[in-house]
């Protein structure tokens, strides 16, 4: 993958900052959020892009009254809204910096300058908020808090992502980083994939503390559905980025179970001179053999991963020419 350019020919005052704000029936909070953005960004060259999922309330009307640009997403869902917004911001609005932010009031616009500073000072390509240091009472249920911490821990350990809150939806990133990110996930799991893709692109990722407030309006989150989808995305990312770990772990477990069963067969043969549990012998042989071949698949997948990385780097170099 081609190396990200660390410099920018434009002065900070000339950089176009585009806020990508997904909405779906957010009339209760969208006005307050856009007013907050306007207050903290009045000295900057910025645009608010509201990506609406065909709201049935006054969300779009309120956003237009605040001067926001409106684009309607092609399909449905949080992930599709963000991808629609990123595409429009980069291609049509010629953004230099992207800020993704929800319209439900959970994130405070006052934290945006803290996210932008590492990018403006050329210290980061992607800045992620850390909600765990500023969670307000009633803003996150106990189940959601435990789930977010667990998913973040899994992502950190398996994908080597040094971020405490991998599921945070308040982020700022350089727009040219999007050229190096290939999204496959849907919904809330897109947040994890963005981090994995950015790390793969050798982007500089920084985390800053932010506040997290109770949601304005009804929640659209489904902790079980969204959590399982995010966990599935993490497993897929491990398979894609660390195939030797993914397949090797499964292969090792299968081979270990087979070997344990086989040891009992061996002890039985040593004591009695015969094997009475033939099905166990067959099962042991199958598990050990299958485990070995799964590990071999991991080695092959790891080679393919490196090859894909080289091909992708070549494609990105051609795009930069």
C-alpha atoms as a PDB file:
ATOM      1  CA  UNK A   1       0.000   0.000   0.000  1.00  0.00           C
ATOM      2  CA  UNK A   2       1.328   3.373  -0.887  1.00  0.00           C
ATOM      3  CA  UNK A   3       2.555   5.526   1.925  1.00  0.00           C
ATOM      4  CA  UNK A   4       0.273   8.285   3.152  1.00  0.00           C
ATOM      5  CA  UNK A   5       1.554  11.771   2.503  1.00  0.00           C
ATOM      6  CA  UNK A   6       2.293  13.457   5.819  1.00  0.00           C
ATOM      7  CA  UNK A   7       2.317  17.003   4.578  1.00  0.00           C
ATOM      8  CA  UNK A   8      -0.390  19.267   3.146  1.00  0.00           C
ATOM      9  CA  UNK A   9       0.247  22.126   0.771  1.00  0.00           C
ATOM     10  CA  UNK A  10      -2.735  24.073   2.074  1.00  0.00           C
ATOM     11  CA  UNK A  11      -2.699  26.275   5.144  1.00  0.00           C
ATOM     12  CA  UNK A  12      -4.915  25.103   7.988  1.00  0.00           C
ATOM     13  CA  UNK A  13      -7.276  28.007   7.393  1.00  0.00           C
ATOM     14  CA  UNK A  14      -7.804  26.812   3.807  1.00  0.00           C
ATOM     15  CA  UNK A  15      -8.544  23.210   4.675  1.00  0.00           C
ATOM     16  CA  UNK A  16     -12.126  22.200   3.961  1.00  0.00           C
ATOM     17  CA  UNK A  17     -13.607  20.272   6.879  1.00  0.00           C
ATOM     18  CA  UNK A  18     -16.745  18.263   6.160  1.00  0.00           C
ATOM     19  CA  UNK A  19     -18.926  16.865   8.938  1.00  0.00           C
ATOM     20  CA  UNK A  20     -20.680  13.638   7.935  1.00  0.00           C
ATOM     21  CA  UNK A  21     -23.800  13.365  10.098  1.00  0.00           C
ATOM     22  CA  UNK A  22     -26.077  10.334   9.547  1.00  0.00           C
ATOM     23  CA  UNK A  23     -29.740  10.928  10.448  1.00  0.00           C
ATOM     24  CA  UNK A  24     -32.944   8.951  10.623  1.00  0.00           C
ATOM     25  CA  UNK A  25     -35.866  10.635  12.393  1.00  0.00           C
ATOM     26  CA  UNK A  26     -33.606  12.816  14.575  1.00  0.00           C
ATOM     27  CA  UNK A  27     -35.723  15.979  14.729  1.00  0.00           C
ATOM     28  CA  UNK A  28     -35.280  16.152  18.510  1.00  0.00           C
ATOM     29  CA  UNK A  29     -31.494  16.368  18.434  1.00  0.00           C
ATOM     30  CA  UNK A  30     -30.246  17.363  14.995  1.00  0.00           C
ATOM     31  CA  UNK A  31     -30.857  21.081  15.483  1.00  0.00           C
ATOM     32  CA  UNK A  32     -28.923  21.213  18.759  1.00  0.00           C
ATOM     33  CA  UNK A  33     -26.036  19.264  17.250  1.00  0.00           C
ATOM     34  CA  UNK A  34     -25.781  21.476  14.164  1.00  0.00           C
ATOM     35  CA  UNK A  35     -26.007  24.620  16.308  1.00  0.00           C
ATOM     36  CA  UNK A  36     -23.169  23.276  18.444  1.00  0.00           C
ATOM     37  CA  UNK A  37     -21.032  22.575  15.381  1.00  0.00           C
ATOM     38  CA  UNK A  38     -21.674  26.082  14.070  1.00  0.00           C
ATOM     39  CA  UNK A  39     -20.595  27.593  17.372  1.00  0.00           C
ATOM     40  CA  UNK A  40     -17.247  25.795  17.628  1.00  0.00           C
ATOM     41  CA  UNK A  41     -16.402  25.923  13.904  1.00  0.00           C
ATOM     42  CA  UNK A  42     -17.272  29.536  13.065  1.00  0.00           C
ATOM     43  CA  UNK A  43     -13.600  30.398  12.436  1.00  0.00           C
ATOM     44  CA  UNK A  44     -13.073  27.433  10.085  1.00  0.00           C
ATOM     45  CA  UNK A  45     -13.866  26.528   6.504  1.00  0.00           C
ATOM     46  CA  UNK A  46     -16.399  23.778   7.105  1.00  0.00           C
ATOM     47  CA  UNK A  47     -19.526  22.153   5.688  1.00  0.00           C
ATOM     48  CA  UNK A  48     -22.085  19.986   7.436  1.00  0.00           C
ATOM     49  CA  UNK A  49     -23.275  17.107   5.280  1.00  0.00           C
ATOM     50  CA  UNK A  50     -26.400  15.440   6.659  1.00  0.00           C
ATOM     51  CA  UNK A  51     -26.841  11.946   5.247  1.00  0.00           C
ATOM     52  CA  UNK A  52     -30.494  11.149   5.755  1.00  0.00           C
ATOM     53  CA  UNK A  53     -32.044   7.698   5.681  1.00  0.00           C
ATOM     54  CA  UNK A  54     -35.398   9.061   4.396  1.00  0.00           C
ATOM     55  CA  UNK A  55     -36.661  10.411   7.706  1.00  0.00           C
ATOM     56  CA  UNK A  56     -40.401  10.686   8.219  1.00  0.00           C
ATOM     57  CA  UNK A  57     -40.213  13.614  10.644  1.00  0.00           C
ATOM     58  CA  UNK A  58     -38.791  17.154  10.357  1.00  0.00           C
ATOM     59  CA  UNK A  59     -35.119  16.127  10.446  1.00  0.00           C
ATOM     60  CA  UNK A  60     -34.313  17.254   6.895  1.00  0.00           C
ATOM     61  CA  UNK A  61     -36.252  20.521   7.268  1.00  0.00           C
ATOM     62  CA  UNK A  62     -34.416  21.397  10.488  1.00  0.00           C
ATOM     63  CA  UNK A  63     -31.051  20.539   8.923  1.00  0.00           C
ATOM     64  CA  UNK A  64     -31.765  22.718   5.883  1.00  0.00           C
ATOM     65  CA  UNK A  65     -32.744  25.620   8.151  1.00  0.00           C
ATOM     66  CA  UNK A  66     -29.299  25.321   9.767  1.00  0.00           C
ATOM     67  CA  UNK A  67     -27.605  25.542   6.354  1.00  0.00           C
ATOM     68  CA  UNK A  68     -26.565  21.898   6.133  1.00  0.00           C
ATOM     69  CA  UNK A  69     -26.085  20.133   2.810  1.00  0.00           C
ATOM     70  CA  UNK A  70     -28.411  17.151   2.422  1.00  0.00           C
ATOM     71  CA  UNK A  71     -27.820  13.844   0.681  1.00  0.00           C
ATOM     72  CA  UNK A  72     -30.096  10.821   0.916  1.00  0.00           C
ATOM     73  CA  UNK A  73     -28.432   7.472   1.406  1.00  0.00           C
ATOM     74  CA  UNK A  74     -28.790   4.815  -1.236  1.00  0.00           C
ATOM     75  CA  UNK A  75     -29.878   1.993   1.008  1.00  0.00           C
ATOM     76  CA  UNK A  76     -30.431   1.778   4.756  1.00  0.00           C
ATOM     77  CA  UNK A  77     -28.334   1.496   7.869  1.00  0.00           C
ATOM     78  CA  UNK A  78     -25.638   3.399   9.727  1.00  0.00           C
ATOM     79  CA  UNK A  79     -22.769   1.934   7.715  1.00  0.00           C
ATOM     80  CA  UNK A  80     -24.348   2.775   4.368  1.00  0.00           C
ATOM     81  CA  UNK A  81     -25.047   6.322   5.587  1.00  0.00           C
ATOM     82  CA  UNK A  82     -21.389   6.856   6.478  1.00  0.00           C
ATOM     83  CA  UNK A  83     -20.103   5.399   3.220  1.00  0.00           C
ATOM     84  CA  UNK A  84     -22.560   7.548   1.249  1.00  0.00           C
ATOM     85  CA  UNK A  85     -21.422  10.600   3.189  1.00  0.00           C
ATOM     86  CA  UNK A  86     -17.708   9.876   2.787  1.00  0.00           C
ATOM     87  CA  UNK A  87     -18.106   9.412  -0.953  1.00  0.00           C
ATOM     88  CA  UNK A  88     -20.032  12.667  -1.362  1.00  0.00           C
ATOM     89  CA  UNK A  89     -17.674  14.611   0.922  1.00  0.00           C
ATOM     90  CA  UNK A  90     -14.548  13.442  -0.917  1.00  0.00           C
ATOM     91  CA  UNK A  91     -15.812  13.542  -4.501  1.00  0.00           C
ATOM     92  CA  UNK A  92     -18.343  16.387  -4.560  1.00  0.00           C
ATOM     93  CA  UNK A  93     -17.348  18.616  -1.649  1.00  0.00           C
ATOM     94  CA  UNK A  94     -13.571  18.075  -2.048  1.00  0.00           C
ATOM     95  CA  UNK A  95     -13.043  17.605   1.674  1.00  0.00           C
ATOM     96  CA  UNK A  96      -9.555  17.731   3.183  1.00  0.00           C
ATOM     97  CA  UNK A  97     -10.678  16.522   6.609  1.00  0.00           C
ATOM     98  CA  UNK A  98     -13.711  14.414   7.501  1.00  0.00           C
ATOM     99  CA  UNK A  99     -15.498  14.431  10.848  1.00  0.00           C
ATOM    100  CA  UNK A 100     -18.080  11.741  11.552  1.00  0.00           C
ATOM    101  CA  UNK A 101     -20.617  12.596  14.231  1.00  0.00           C
ATOM    102  CA  UNK A 102     -24.076  11.426  15.318  1.00  0.00           C
ATOM    103  CA  UNK A 103     -27.138  13.674  15.353  1.00  0.00           C
ATOM    104  CA  UNK A 104     -28.611  12.407  18.612  1.00  0.00           C
ATOM    105  CA  UNK A 105     -26.698  14.659  21.010  1.00  0.00           C
ATOM    106  CA  UNK A 106     -24.547  11.910  22.501  1.00  0.00           C
ATOM    107  CA  UNK A 107     -21.367  13.582  21.253  1.00  0.00           C
ATOM    108  CA  UNK A 108     -20.502  17.146  22.235  1.00  0.00           C
ATOM    109  CA  UNK A 109     -19.399  19.457  19.379  1.00  0.00           C
ATOM    110  CA  UNK A 110     -17.085  21.148  21.906  1.00  0.00           C
ATOM    111  CA  UNK A 111     -14.842  18.088  21.661  1.00  0.00           C
ATOM    112  CA  UNK A 112     -14.358  18.482  17.891  1.00  0.00           C
ATOM    113  CA  UNK A 113     -11.377  20.904  18.121  1.00  0.00           C
ATOM    114  CA  UNK A 114      -9.546  18.340  20.273  1.00  0.00           C
ATOM    115  CA  UNK A 115     -10.046  15.762  17.518  1.00  0.00           C
ATOM    116  CA  UNK A 116      -8.955  18.136  14.762  1.00  0.00           C
ATOM    117  CA  UNK A 117      -5.806  19.456  16.449  1.00  0.00           C
ATOM    118  CA  UNK A 118      -3.650  16.301  16.004  1.00  0.00           C
ATOM    119  CA  UNK A 119      -4.497  16.335  12.277  1.00  0.00           C
ATOM    120  CA  UNK A 120      -3.961  20.064  11.850  1.00  0.00           C
ATOM    121  CA  UNK A 121      -0.644  19.757  13.686  1.00  0.00           C
ATOM    122  CA  UNK A 122       0.320  16.865  11.377  1.00  0.00           C
ATOM    123  CA  UNK A 123       0.538  14.389  14.251  1.00  0.00           C
ATOM    124  CA  UNK A 124      -2.251  12.050  13.129  1.00  0.00           C
ATOM    125  CA  UNK A 125      -4.223  10.811  10.133  1.00  0.00           C
ATOM    126  CA  UNK A 126      -7.136   9.434  12.153  1.00  0.00           C
ATOM    127  CA  UNK A 127      -8.312  10.629  15.567  1.00  0.00           C
ATOM    128  CA  UNK A 128     -10.807   8.624  17.613  1.00  0.00           C
ATOM    129  CA  UNK A 129     -12.723   9.742  20.688  1.00  0.00           C
ATOM    130  CA  UNK A 130     -12.543   7.816  23.949  1.00  0.00           C
ATOM    131  CA  UNK A 131     -15.964   7.890  25.634  1.00  0.00           C
ATOM    132  CA  UNK A 132     -14.951   5.836  28.666  1.00  0.00           C
ATOM    133  CA  UNK A 133     -13.240   8.813  30.300  1.00  0.00           C
ATOM    134  CA  UNK A 134     -16.273  11.091  30.006  1.00  0.00           C
ATOM    135  CA  UNK A 135     -19.456   9.015  30.173  1.00  0.00           C
ATOM    136  CA  UNK A 136     -22.283  11.020  31.703  1.00  0.00           C
ATOM    137  CA  UNK A 137     -24.810   9.358  33.985  1.00  0.00           C
ATOM    138  CA  UNK A 138     -27.560   7.623  32.033  1.00  0.00           C
ATOM    139  CA  UNK A 139     -25.816   7.873  28.660  1.00  0.00           C
ATOM    140  CA  UNK A 140     -24.923   4.181  28.376  1.00  0.00           C
ATOM    141  CA  UNK A 141     -26.537   1.158  29.987  1.00  0.00           C
ATOM    142  CA  UNK A 142     -24.449  -1.267  32.018  1.00  0.00           C
ATOM    143  CA  UNK A 143     -24.876  -3.961  29.345  1.00  0.00           C
ATOM    144  CA  UNK A 144     -23.770  -1.591  26.548  1.00  0.00           C
ATOM    145  CA  UNK A 145     -20.805  -0.385  28.590  1.00  0.00           C
ATOM    146  CA  UNK A 146     -19.596  -3.919  29.305  1.00  0.00           C
ATOM    147  CA  UNK A 147     -20.213  -4.922  25.682  1.00  0.00           C
ATOM    148  CA  UNK A 148     -18.282  -1.948  24.309  1.00  0.00           C
ATOM    149  CA  UNK A 149     -15.341  -2.587  26.606  1.00  0.00           C
ATOM    150  CA  UNK A 150     -15.289  -6.286  25.738  1.00  0.00           C
ATOM    151  CA  UNK A 151     -15.447  -5.673  21.978  1.00  0.00           C
ATOM    152  CA  UNK A 152     -12.753  -3.009  22.246  1.00  0.00           C
ATOM    153  CA  UNK A 153     -10.540  -5.375  24.248  1.00  0.00           C
ATOM    154  CA  UNK A 154     -10.969  -8.145  21.659  1.00  0.00           C
ATOM    155  CA  UNK A 155     -10.147  -5.741  18.815  1.00  0.00           C
ATOM    156  CA  UNK A 156      -7.045  -4.439  20.611  1.00  0.00           C
ATOM    157  CA  UNK A 157      -5.692  -7.899  21.380  1.00  0.00           C
ATOM    158  CA  UNK A 158      -6.427  -9.596  18.083  1.00  0.00           C
ATOM    159  CA  UNK A 159      -5.888  -6.768  15.598  1.00  0.00           C
ATOM    160  CA  UNK A 160      -3.154  -4.906  17.528  1.00  0.00           C
ATOM    161  CA  UNK A 161      -5.175  -1.699  17.483  1.00  0.00           C
ATOM    162  CA  UNK A 162      -3.981   0.560  20.294  1.00  0.00           C
ATOM    163  CA  UNK A 163      -7.367   2.205  20.851  1.00  0.00           C
ATOM    164  CA  UNK A 164      -9.323   1.980  24.106  1.00  0.00           C
ATOM    165  CA  UNK A 165     -12.758   2.717  22.622  1.00  0.00           C
ATOM    166  CA  UNK A 166     -12.859   1.089  19.191  1.00  0.00           C
ATOM    167  CA  UNK A 167     -16.630   1.572  18.832  1.00  0.00           C
ATOM    168  CA  UNK A 168     -16.694   5.358  19.316  1.00  0.00           C
ATOM    169  CA  UNK A 169     -18.608   7.161  16.554  1.00  0.00           C
ATOM    170  CA  UNK A 170     -16.932  10.573  16.923  1.00  0.00           C
ATOM    171  CA  UNK A 171     -13.852  10.632  14.690  1.00  0.00           C
ATOM    172  CA  UNK A 172     -11.810  12.941  12.506  1.00  0.00           C
ATOM    173  CA  UNK A 173      -9.649  11.765   9.637  1.00  0.00           C
ATOM    174  CA  UNK A 174      -7.754  13.075   6.669  1.00  0.00           C
ATOM    175  CA  UNK A 175      -9.880  12.658   3.557  1.00  0.00           C
ATOM    176  CA  UNK A 176      -7.070  11.126   1.516  1.00  0.00           C
ATOM    177  CA  UNK A 177      -7.003   8.236   3.988  1.00  0.00           C
ATOM    178  CA  UNK A 178     -10.273   7.075   2.413  1.00  0.00           C
ATOM    179  CA  UNK A 179      -8.332   6.057  -0.705  1.00  0.00           C
ATOM    180  CA  UNK A 180      -6.682   3.361   1.396  1.00  0.00           C
ATOM    181  CA  UNK A 181      -9.841   2.049   3.103  1.00  0.00           C
ATOM    182  CA  UNK A 182     -11.998  -0.623   1.516  1.00  0.00           C
ATOM    183  CA  UNK A 183     -15.181  -1.074   3.548  1.00  0.00           C
ATOM    184  CA  UNK A 184     -16.961  -4.421   3.585  1.00  0.00           C
ATOM    185  CA  UNK A 185     -18.813  -4.182   6.897  1.00  0.00           C
ATOM    186  CA  UNK A 186     -22.308  -2.876   7.488  1.00  0.00           C
ATOM    187  CA  UNK A 187     -23.886  -1.055  10.405  1.00  0.00           C
ATOM    188  CA  UNK A 188     -21.987  -0.324  13.616  1.00  0.00           C
ATOM    189  CA  UNK A 189     -19.210  -2.797  12.737  1.00  0.00           C
ATOM    190  CA  UNK A 190     -17.887  -0.307  10.175  1.00  0.00           C
ATOM    191  CA  UNK A 191     -16.131   1.507  13.051  1.00  0.00           C
ATOM    192  CA  UNK A 192     -13.902  -1.494  13.766  1.00  0.00           C
ATOM    193  CA  UNK A 193     -13.158  -2.082  10.098  1.00  0.00           C
ATOM    194  CA  UNK A 194     -12.103   1.549   9.648  1.00  0.00           C
ATOM    195  CA  UNK A 195      -9.486   1.153  12.368  1.00  0.00           C
ATOM    196  CA  UNK A 196      -8.192  -2.123  10.948  1.00  0.00           C
ATOM    197  CA  UNK A 197      -7.959  -0.696   7.430  1.00  0.00           C
ATOM    198  CA  UNK A 198      -6.272   2.484   8.675  1.00  0.00           C
ATOM    199  CA  UNK A 199      -3.703   0.462  10.610  1.00  0.00           C
ATOM    200  CA  UNK A 200      -3.083  -1.648   7.514  1.00  0.00           C
ATOM    201  CA  UNK A 201      -2.427   1.600   5.615  1.00  0.00           C
ATOM    202  CA  UNK A 202       0.117   2.563   8.310  1.00  0.00           C
ATOM    203  CA  UNK A 203      -1.956   5.603   9.250  1.00  0.00           C
ATOM    204  CA  UNK A 204      -1.105   7.473  12.431  1.00  0.00           C
ATOM    205  CA  UNK A 205      -4.004   6.811  14.800  1.00  0.00           C
ATOM    206  CA  UNK A 206      -4.514   8.919  17.917  1.00  0.00           C
ATOM    207  CA  UNK A 207      -7.152   8.735  20.660  1.00  0.00           C
ATOM    208  CA  UNK A 208      -8.421  11.704  22.676  1.00  0.00           C
ATOM    209  CA  UNK A 209     -10.858  11.802  25.615  1.00  0.00           C
ATOM    210  CA  UNK A 210     -14.385  13.069  24.899  1.00  0.00           C
ATOM    211  CA  UNK A 211     -17.687  13.458  26.725  1.00  0.00           C
ATOM    212  CA  UNK A 212     -20.628  11.142  26.104  1.00  0.00           C
ATOM    213  CA  UNK A 213     -24.148  12.348  26.887  1.00  0.00           C
ATOM    214  CA  UNK A 214     -27.564  10.661  27.105  1.00  0.00           C
ATOM    215  CA  UNK A 215     -29.237  10.278  23.745  1.00  0.00           C
ATOM    216  CA  UNK A 216     -31.909  12.764  22.625  1.00  0.00           C
ATOM    217  CA  UNK A 217     -34.868  10.784  21.286  1.00  0.00           C
ATOM    218  CA  UNK A 218     -35.455   7.054  20.933  1.00  0.00           C
ATOM    219  CA  UNK A 219     -32.488   4.758  20.449  1.00  0.00           C
ATOM    220  CA  UNK A 220     -32.115   2.673  17.294  1.00  0.00           C
ATOM    221  CA  UNK A 221     -29.422   0.418  18.717  1.00  0.00           C
ATOM    222  CA  UNK A 222     -29.963  -3.289  19.262  1.00  0.00           C
ATOM    223  CA  UNK A 223     -27.182  -4.373  21.671  1.00  0.00           C
ATOM    224  CA  UNK A 224     -27.425  -8.089  20.856  1.00  0.00           C
ATOM    225  CA  UNK A 225     -27.764  -7.679  17.079  1.00  0.00           C
ATOM    226  CA  UNK A 226     -25.165  -4.916  16.791  1.00  0.00           C
ATOM    227  CA  UNK A 227     -22.786  -6.627  19.224  1.00  0.00           C
ATOM    228  CA  UNK A 228     -22.919  -9.950  17.384  1.00  0.00           C
ATOM    229  CA  UNK A 229     -22.405  -8.163  14.064  1.00  0.00           C
ATOM    230  CA  UNK A 230     -19.375  -6.303  15.414  1.00  0.00           C
ATOM    231  CA  UNK A 231     -17.953  -9.522  16.862  1.00  0.00           C
ATOM    232  CA  UNK A 232     -18.483 -11.210  13.498  1.00  0.00           C
ATOM    233  CA  UNK A 233     -16.648  -8.351  11.803  1.00  0.00           C
ATOM    234  CA  UNK A 234     -13.736  -8.695  14.236  1.00  0.00           C
ATOM    235  CA  UNK A 235     -13.491 -12.415  13.427  1.00  0.00           C
ATOM    236  CA  UNK A 236     -13.573 -11.659   9.695  1.00  0.00           C
ATOM    237  CA  UNK A 237     -10.874  -9.011  10.107  1.00  0.00           C
ATOM    238  CA  UNK A 238      -8.691 -11.487  12.011  1.00  0.00           C
ATOM    239  CA  UNK A 239      -9.236 -13.969   9.187  1.00  0.00           C
ATOM    240  CA  UNK A 240      -8.272 -11.354   6.579  1.00  0.00           C
ATOM    241  CA  UNK A 241      -5.418  -9.583   8.383  1.00  0.00           C
ATOM    242  CA  UNK A 242      -4.067 -12.391  10.595  1.00  0.00           C
ATOM    243  CA  UNK A 243      -5.042 -15.603   8.797  1.00  0.00           C
ATOM    244  CA  UNK A 244      -2.255 -17.611  10.408  1.00  0.00           C
ATOM    245  CA  UNK A 245      -3.620 -16.711  13.860  1.00  0.00           C
ATOM    246  CA  UNK A 246      -7.224 -17.373  12.806  1.00  0.00           C
ATOM    247  CA  UNK A 247      -6.716 -20.743  11.121  1.00  0.00           C
ATOM    248  CA  UNK A 248      -3.794 -21.711  13.325  1.00  0.00           C
ATOM    249  CA  UNK A 249      -5.874 -21.334  16.473  1.00  0.00           C
ATOM    250  CA  UNK A 250      -8.659 -23.535  15.120  1.00  0.00           C
ATOM    251  CA  UNK A 251      -6.175 -26.067  13.781  1.00  0.00           C
ATOM    252  CA  UNK A 252      -4.251 -26.187  17.057  1.00  0.00           C
ATOM    253  CA  UNK A 253      -7.433 -26.698  19.086  1.00  0.00           C
ATOM    254  CA  UNK A 254      -8.620 -29.515  16.830  1.00  0.00           C
ATOM    255  CA  UNK A 255      -5.223 -31.203  16.815  1.00  0.00           C
ATOM    256  CA  UNK A 256      -4.924 -30.853  20.606  1.00  0.00           C
ATOM    257  CA  UNK A 257      -8.318 -32.463  21.206  1.00  0.00           C
ATOM    258  CA  UNK A 258      -7.440 -35.237  18.766  1.00  0.00           C
ATOM    259  CA  UNK A 259      -4.083 -35.788  20.462  1.00  0.00           C
ATOM    260  CA  UNK A 260      -5.720 -35.943  23.911  1.00  0.00           C
ATOM    261  CA  UNK A 261      -8.155 -38.597  22.692  1.00  0.00           C
ATOM    262  CA  UNK A 262      -5.304 -40.408  20.955  1.00  0.00           C
ATOM    263  CA  UNK A 263      -3.211 -40.502  24.136  1.00  0.00           C
ATOM    264  CA  UNK A 264      -5.990 -42.403  25.900  1.00  0.00           C
ATOM    265  CA  UNK A 265      -6.027 -44.860  22.985  1.00  0.00           C
ATOM    266  CA  UNK A 266      -2.237 -45.301  23.254  1.00  0.00           C
ATOM    267  CA  UNK A 267      -2.402 -45.902  27.029  1.00  0.00           C
ATOM    268  CA  UNK A 268      -5.169 -48.438  26.465  1.00  0.00           C
ATOM    269  CA  UNK A 269      -3.061 -50.262  23.873  1.00  0.00           C
ATOM    270  CA  UNK A 270      -0.008 -50.283  26.145  1.00  0.00           C
ATOM    271  CA  UNK A 271      -2.033 -51.746  29.026  1.00  0.00           C
ATOM    272  CA  UNK A 272      -4.167 -54.270  27.144  1.00  0.00           C
ATOM    273  CA  UNK A 273      -2.313 -54.842  23.894  1.00  0.00           C
ATOM    274  CA  UNK A 274      -5.435 -54.036  21.896  1.00  0.00           C
ATOM    275  CA  UNK A 275      -7.638 -51.123  20.899  1.00  0.00           C
ATOM    276  CA  UNK A 276     -11.253 -51.564  21.950  1.00  0.00           C
ATOM    277  CA  UNK A 277     -12.517 -48.043  21.202  1.00  0.00           C
ATOM    278  CA  UNK A 278     -12.096 -47.954  17.422  1.00  0.00           C
ATOM    279  CA  UNK A 279     -14.505 -45.003  16.924  1.00  0.00           C
ATOM    280  CA  UNK A 280     -12.341 -42.941  19.285  1.00  0.00           C
ATOM    281  CA  UNK A 281      -9.271 -43.904  17.293  1.00  0.00           C
ATOM    282  CA  UNK A 282     -10.950 -42.777  14.065  1.00  0.00           C
ATOM    283  CA  UNK A 283     -12.108 -39.533  15.667  1.00  0.00           C
ATOM    284  CA  UNK A 284      -8.623 -38.829  17.012  1.00  0.00           C
ATOM    285  CA  UNK A 285      -7.034 -39.417  13.622  1.00  0.00           C
ATOM    286  CA  UNK A 286      -9.589 -37.192  11.870  1.00  0.00           C
ATOM    287  CA  UNK A 287      -9.139 -34.343  14.356  1.00  0.00           C
ATOM    288  CA  UNK A 288      -5.336 -34.422  14.193  1.00  0.00           C
ATOM    289  CA  UNK A 289      -5.318 -34.648  10.395  1.00  0.00           C
ATOM    290  CA  UNK A 290      -7.939 -31.936   9.960  1.00  0.00           C
ATOM    291  CA  UNK A 291      -6.150 -29.692  12.448  1.00  0.00           C
ATOM    292  CA  UNK A 292      -2.905 -30.108  10.504  1.00  0.00           C
ATOM    293  CA  UNK A 293      -4.581 -29.196   7.212  1.00  0.00           C
ATOM    294  CA  UNK A 294      -6.337 -26.191   8.769  1.00  0.00           C
ATOM    295  CA  UNK A 295      -2.927 -24.904   9.907  1.00  0.00           C
ATOM    296  CA  UNK A 296      -1.653 -25.414   6.362  1.00  0.00           C
ATOM    297  CA  UNK A 297      -4.611 -23.380   5.092  1.00  0.00           C
ATOM    298  CA  UNK A 298      -3.525 -20.643   7.515  1.00  0.00           C
ATOM    299  CA  UNK A 299      -0.011 -20.637   6.061  1.00  0.00           C
ATOM    300  CA  UNK A 300      -1.384 -20.484   2.513  1.00  0.00           C
ATOM    301  CA  UNK A 301      -3.846 -17.704   3.440  1.00  0.00           C
ATOM    302  CA  UNK A 302      -0.998 -15.737   5.026  1.00  0.00           C
ATOM    303  CA  UNK A 303       0.952 -15.940   1.772  1.00  0.00           C
ATOM    304  CA  UNK A 304      -2.120 -14.818  -0.196  1.00  0.00           C
ATOM    305  CA  UNK A 305      -2.591 -11.917   2.225  1.00  0.00           C
ATOM    306  CA  UNK A 306       0.940 -10.692   1.556  1.00  0.00           C
ATOM    307  CA  UNK A 307       0.383 -11.028  -2.183  1.00  0.00           C
ATOM    308  CA  UNK A 308      -2.880  -9.062  -2.009  1.00  0.00           C
ATOM    309  CA  UNK A 309      -1.084  -6.413   0.029  1.00  0.00           C
ATOM    310  CA  UNK A 310       1.545  -6.030  -2.674  1.00  0.00           C
ATOM    311  CA  UNK A 311      -1.082  -5.854  -5.446  1.00  0.00           C
ATOM    312  CA  UNK A 312      -3.078  -3.281  -3.506  1.00  0.00           C
ATOM    313  CA  UNK A 313       0.050  -1.201  -2.919  1.00  0.00           C
ATOM    314  CA  UNK A 314       0.758  -1.253  -6.647  1.00  0.00           C
ATOM    315  CA  UNK A 315      -2.794  -0.148  -7.446  1.00  0.00           C
ATOM    316  CA  UNK A 316      -2.555   2.728  -4.944  1.00  0.00           C
ATOM    317  CA  UNK A 317       0.778   3.842  -6.404  1.00  0.00           C
ATOM    318  CA  UNK A 318      -0.809   3.943  -9.838  1.00  0.00           C
ATOM    319  CA  UNK A 319      -3.701   6.026  -8.476  1.00  0.00           C
ATOM    320  CA  UNK A 320      -1.255   8.514  -6.954  1.00  0.00           C
ATOM    321  CA  UNK A 321       0.556   9.021 -10.278  1.00  0.00           C
END
